[in-house]
Amino acid sequence: MFTPRDITPGEMWACRYETEIMMGLDGSPAENLKPGDAARGPETVTGIGVIVTRDLERELLEVIDTETEKRHVVRFQDVWDIDRAEIIKEDHPATE
């Protein structure tokens, strides 16, 4: 089992993570709220992300969620299942 301190620079790593995001009244992530807009409030969400930056002093990771492609900054203590990752391109049959 790897920890954030085990990550080797220059290699692709991924992890499961937990963070809080602001949720809209409809239950989806609230984005670009304007003054006067309402939100349901912060909720804890989990995801899988590719690690792009590691800050050893502040013990933070920046991850890009593999599903939403949103960036999140998470604490070392809020990540688990850290492992090397690779991008696999799916072969799509040629369309005629």
Protein backbone atom coordinates (compact mmCIF):
# COMPACT_ATOMS: atom_id res chain seq x y z
CA MET A 1 0.00 0.00 0.00
CA PHE A 2 1.42 3.38 -1.04
CA THR A 3 1.23 6.69 0.82
CA PRO A 4 1.43 10.21 -0.66
CA ARG A 5 5.11 10.32 0.37
CA ASP A 6 5.84 7.21 -1.75
CA ILE A 7 4.84 8.92 -5.01
CA THR A 8 7.68 9.07 -7.50
CA PRO A 9 7.88 12.38 -9.42
CA GLY A 10 7.55 11.94 -13.17
CA GLU A 11 5.24 8.93 -12.90
CA MET A 12 1.45 8.90 -13.15
CA TRP A 13 -0.32 8.10 -9.89
CA ALA A 14 -3.99 7.88 -8.97
CA CYS A 15 -5.98 7.57 -5.76
CA ARG A 16 -9.41 7.47 -4.24
CA TYR A 17 -10.19 10.67 -2.38
CA GLU A 18 -12.76 12.46 -0.27
CA THR A 19 -13.50 16.20 -0.32
CA GLU A 20 -16.28 18.68 0.38
CA ILE A 21 -17.99 20.54 -2.45
CA MET A 22 -20.89 22.97 -2.55
CA MET A 23 -24.11 21.34 -3.72
CA GLY A 24 -26.97 23.09 -5.50
CA LEU A 25 -30.61 22.81 -4.53
CA ASP A 26 -31.07 20.14 -7.21
CA GLY A 27 -28.40 17.91 -5.63
CA SER A 28 -25.75 18.49 -8.29
CA PRO A 29 -22.47 20.33 -7.71
CA ALA A 30 -23.09 24.09 -7.52
CA GLU A 31 -20.90 25.87 -10.04
CA ASN A 32 -20.60 29.56 -10.80
CA LEU A 33 -23.05 30.73 -8.14
CA LYS A 34 -23.96 34.38 -8.52
CA PRO A 35 -24.92 36.74 -5.68
CA GLY A 36 -28.41 35.83 -4.55
CA ASP A 37 -28.26 32.24 -5.86
CA ALA A 38 -29.12 29.56 -3.32
CA ALA A 39 -27.22 26.37 -2.60
CA ARG A 40 -27.99 23.37 -0.44
CA GLY A 41 -24.59 23.59 1.24
CA PRO A 42 -21.34 21.64 1.40
CA GLU A 43 -21.38 17.86 1.14
CA THR A 44 -18.65 15.25 1.33
CA VAL A 45 -18.08 13.40 -1.94
CA THR A 46 -15.67 10.64 -2.93
CA GLY A 47 -14.02 9.98 -6.25
CA ILE A 48 -11.06 8.58 -8.13
CA GLY A 49 -8.48 11.02 -9.40
CA VAL A 50 -5.13 11.34 -11.09
CA ILE A 51 -2.58 13.07 -8.85
CA VAL A 52 -1.05 16.10 -10.59
CA THR A 53 0.67 17.98 -7.75
CA ARG A 54 1.99 17.04 -4.33
CA ASP A 55 2.87 19.52 -1.57
CA LEU A 56 4.90 17.68 1.05
CA GLU A 57 5.16 20.65 3.43
CA ARG A 58 1.41 21.29 3.64
CA GLU A 59 0.52 17.61 3.01
CA LEU A 60 -1.81 18.39 0.11
CA LEU A 61 -2.47 16.73 -3.24
CA GLU A 62 -4.10 18.20 -6.31
CA VAL A 63 -6.13 15.57 -8.14
CA ILE A 64 -8.16 15.61 -11.33
CA ASP A 65 -11.31 13.55 -10.98
CA THR A 66 -11.41 10.85 -13.65
CA GLU A 67 -15.17 11.17 -14.11
CA THR A 68 -15.83 14.92 -13.90
CA GLU A 69 -12.34 16.20 -14.86
CA LYS A 70 -12.64 18.75 -12.02
CA ARG A 71 -9.55 19.62 -9.98
CA HIS A 72 -9.62 19.21 -6.20
CA VAL A 73 -7.03 19.94 -3.53
CA VAL A 74 -7.20 17.27 -0.85
CA ARG A 75 -5.31 16.51 2.34
CA PHE A 76 -3.01 13.49 2.55
CA GLN A 77 -5.32 12.04 5.22
CA ASP A 78 -8.27 12.15 2.79
CA VAL A 79 -6.77 9.85 0.14
CA TRP A 80 -6.41 6.07 -0.02
CA ASP A 81 -5.79 3.29 -2.56
CA ILE A 82 -2.83 5.20 -4.02
CA ASP A 83 -1.21 3.37 -6.91
CA ARG A 84 0.59 3.91 -10.19
CA ALA A 85 -1.77 4.66 -13.06
CA GLU A 86 -1.74 4.51 -16.81
CA ILE A 87 -3.97 5.89 -19.50
CA ILE A 88 -5.57 3.22 -21.64
CA LYS A 89 -7.11 4.35 -24.88
CA GLU A 90 -10.11 2.32 -25.92
CA ASP A 91 -10.02 1.09 -29.48
CA HIS A 92 -13.13 2.12 -31.34
CA PRO A 93 -14.08 0.28 -34.51
CA ALA A 94 -13.90 2.39 -37.63
CA THR A 95 -17.23 3.81 -38.65
CA GLU A 96 -18.29 3.48 -42.25
